[in-house]
């Protein structure tokens, strides 16, 4: 059975947000697409959470292949796990 770590409840530190990454096949990578945007906190729209560069089409294809490869194992995993 898996456990979920409790979230970090320490006060936010004023600093430049880290760039958001894509998780593709178990590896983190920066988007290589042509579009970049800033993601804002929906509860405080003045707070930018992270700059994001969208995935390139080939990264989307890689993510779909990785998801299809992972699906049988996830499907066979009992819900409590």
C-alpha atoms as a PDB file:
ATOM      1  CA  UNK A   1       0.000   0.000   0.000  1.00  0.00           C
ATOM      2  CA  UNK A   2       1.323   3.431  -0.838  1.00  0.00           C
ATOM      3  CA  UNK A   3       1.418   6.428   1.457  1.00  0.00           C
ATOM      4  CA  UNK A   4       1.026  10.069   0.596  1.00  0.00           C
ATOM      5  CA  UNK A   5       3.436  12.539   2.137  1.00  0.00           C
ATOM      6  CA  UNK A   6       1.807  15.452   3.886  1.00  0.00           C
ATOM      7  CA  UNK A   7       2.121  18.703   1.954  1.00  0.00           C
ATOM      8  CA  UNK A   8       4.714  21.278   2.925  1.00  0.00           C
ATOM      9  CA  UNK A   9       2.847  23.899   4.936  1.00  0.00           C
ATOM     10  CA  UNK A  10       5.806  26.195   5.507  1.00  0.00           C
ATOM     11  CA  UNK A  11       5.310  29.838   4.542  1.00  0.00           C
ATOM     12  CA  UNK A  12       5.986  30.691   0.937  1.00  0.00           C
ATOM     13  CA  UNK A  13       9.354  32.259   0.288  1.00  0.00           C
ATOM     14  CA  UNK A  14       9.498  35.296  -1.980  1.00  0.00           C
ATOM     15  CA  UNK A  15      11.556  34.198  -4.939  1.00  0.00           C
ATOM     16  CA  UNK A  16      11.313  33.774  -8.666  1.00  0.00           C
ATOM     17  CA  UNK A  17       9.150  30.711  -9.421  1.00  0.00           C
ATOM     18  CA  UNK A  18      10.834  27.666 -10.869  1.00  0.00           C
ATOM     19  CA  UNK A  19       9.972  26.708 -14.427  1.00  0.00           C
ATOM     20  CA  UNK A  20       7.280  24.030 -14.574  1.00  0.00           C
ATOM     21  CA  UNK A  21       8.370  20.774 -16.190  1.00  0.00           C
ATOM     22  CA  UNK A  22       6.641  17.919 -18.023  1.00  0.00           C
ATOM     23  CA  UNK A  23       6.789  14.372 -16.651  1.00  0.00           C
ATOM     24  CA  UNK A  24       7.169  12.060 -19.641  1.00  0.00           C
ATOM     25  CA  UNK A  25       7.887   8.378 -19.130  1.00  0.00           C
ATOM     26  CA  UNK A  26       9.137   8.975 -15.583  1.00  0.00           C
ATOM     27  CA  UNK A  27      11.592  11.726 -16.557  1.00  0.00           C
ATOM     28  CA  UNK A  28      11.164  15.476 -16.038  1.00  0.00           C
ATOM     29  CA  UNK A  29      11.831  17.679 -19.052  1.00  0.00           C
ATOM     30  CA  UNK A  30      11.254  21.265 -20.071  1.00  0.00           C
ATOM     31  CA  UNK A  31       8.758  21.883 -22.845  1.00  0.00           C
ATOM     32  CA  UNK A  32      10.251  22.499 -26.277  1.00  0.00           C
ATOM     33  CA  UNK A  33       7.175  24.060 -27.879  1.00  0.00           C
ATOM     34  CA  UNK A  34       6.894  27.531 -29.365  1.00  0.00           C
ATOM     35  CA  UNK A  35       4.419  28.857 -26.793  1.00  0.00           C
ATOM     36  CA  UNK A  36       5.305  30.047 -23.288  1.00  0.00           C
ATOM     37  CA  UNK A  37       2.910  31.333 -20.667  1.00  0.00           C
ATOM     38  CA  UNK A  38       2.779  32.148 -16.987  1.00  0.00           C
ATOM     39  CA  UNK A  39       0.568  30.060 -14.694  1.00  0.00           C
ATOM     40  CA  UNK A  40      -1.165  32.045 -11.943  1.00  0.00           C
ATOM     41  CA  UNK A  41      -2.736  30.987  -8.661  1.00  0.00           C
ATOM     42  CA  UNK A  42      -6.504  30.845  -9.261  1.00  0.00           C
ATOM     43  CA  UNK A  43      -7.136  31.928  -5.648  1.00  0.00           C
ATOM     44  CA  UNK A  44      -4.766  34.909  -5.950  1.00  0.00           C
ATOM     45  CA  UNK A  45      -4.384  35.934  -9.565  1.00  0.00           C
ATOM     46  CA  UNK A  46      -1.590  38.355  -8.663  1.00  0.00           C
ATOM     47  CA  UNK A  47       0.594  35.381  -7.658  1.00  0.00           C
ATOM     48  CA  UNK A  48       2.453  33.781 -10.540  1.00  0.00           C
ATOM     49  CA  UNK A  49       3.151  30.132  -9.754  1.00  0.00           C
ATOM     50  CA  UNK A  50       5.511  29.281 -12.594  1.00  0.00           C
ATOM     51  CA  UNK A  51       6.463  30.139 -16.142  1.00  0.00           C
ATOM     52  CA  UNK A  52       5.580  27.275 -18.469  1.00  0.00           C
ATOM     53  CA  UNK A  53       6.827  26.428 -21.917  1.00  0.00           C
ATOM     54  CA  UNK A  54       4.368  24.127 -23.645  1.00  0.00           C
ATOM     55  CA  UNK A  55       5.415  20.720 -24.894  1.00  0.00           C
ATOM     56  CA  UNK A  56       6.341  20.342 -28.551  1.00  0.00           C
ATOM     57  CA  UNK A  57       4.219  17.972 -30.669  1.00  0.00           C
ATOM     58  CA  UNK A  58       6.903  15.264 -30.496  1.00  0.00           C
ATOM     59  CA  UNK A  59       6.884  15.523 -26.677  1.00  0.00           C
ATOM     60  CA  UNK A  60       3.116  15.039 -26.692  1.00  0.00           C
ATOM     61  CA  UNK A  61       3.615  11.929 -28.828  1.00  0.00           C
ATOM     62  CA  UNK A  62       6.266  10.653 -26.369  1.00  0.00           C
ATOM     63  CA  UNK A  63       3.885  11.254 -23.459  1.00  0.00           C
ATOM     64  CA  UNK A  64       1.069   9.354 -25.201  1.00  0.00           C
ATOM     65  CA  UNK A  65       3.354   6.394 -25.926  1.00  0.00           C
ATOM     66  CA  UNK A  66       4.585   6.372 -22.314  1.00  0.00           C
ATOM     67  CA  UNK A  67       1.010   6.542 -20.992  1.00  0.00           C
ATOM     68  CA  UNK A  68      -0.109   3.676 -23.241  1.00  0.00           C
ATOM     69  CA  UNK A  69       2.872   1.615 -22.073  1.00  0.00           C
ATOM     70  CA  UNK A  70       2.080   2.326 -18.386  1.00  0.00           C
ATOM     71  CA  UNK A  71      -1.672   1.739 -18.641  1.00  0.00           C
ATOM     72  CA  UNK A  72      -1.760  -2.074 -18.284  1.00  0.00           C
ATOM     73  CA  UNK A  73       0.150  -1.931 -15.005  1.00  0.00           C
ATOM     74  CA  UNK A  74      -1.993   0.865 -13.625  1.00  0.00           C
ATOM     75  CA  UNK A  75      -5.147  -0.930 -14.740  1.00  0.00           C
ATOM     76  CA  UNK A  76      -4.086  -4.078 -12.864  1.00  0.00           C
ATOM     77  CA  UNK A  77      -3.293  -2.135  -9.670  1.00  0.00           C
ATOM     78  CA  UNK A  78      -5.993  -2.495  -6.985  1.00  0.00           C
ATOM     79  CA  UNK A  79      -7.647   0.825  -6.050  1.00  0.00           C
ATOM     80  CA  UNK A  80      -6.359   0.821  -2.427  1.00  0.00           C
ATOM     81  CA  UNK A  81      -2.788   0.698  -3.747  1.00  0.00           C
END
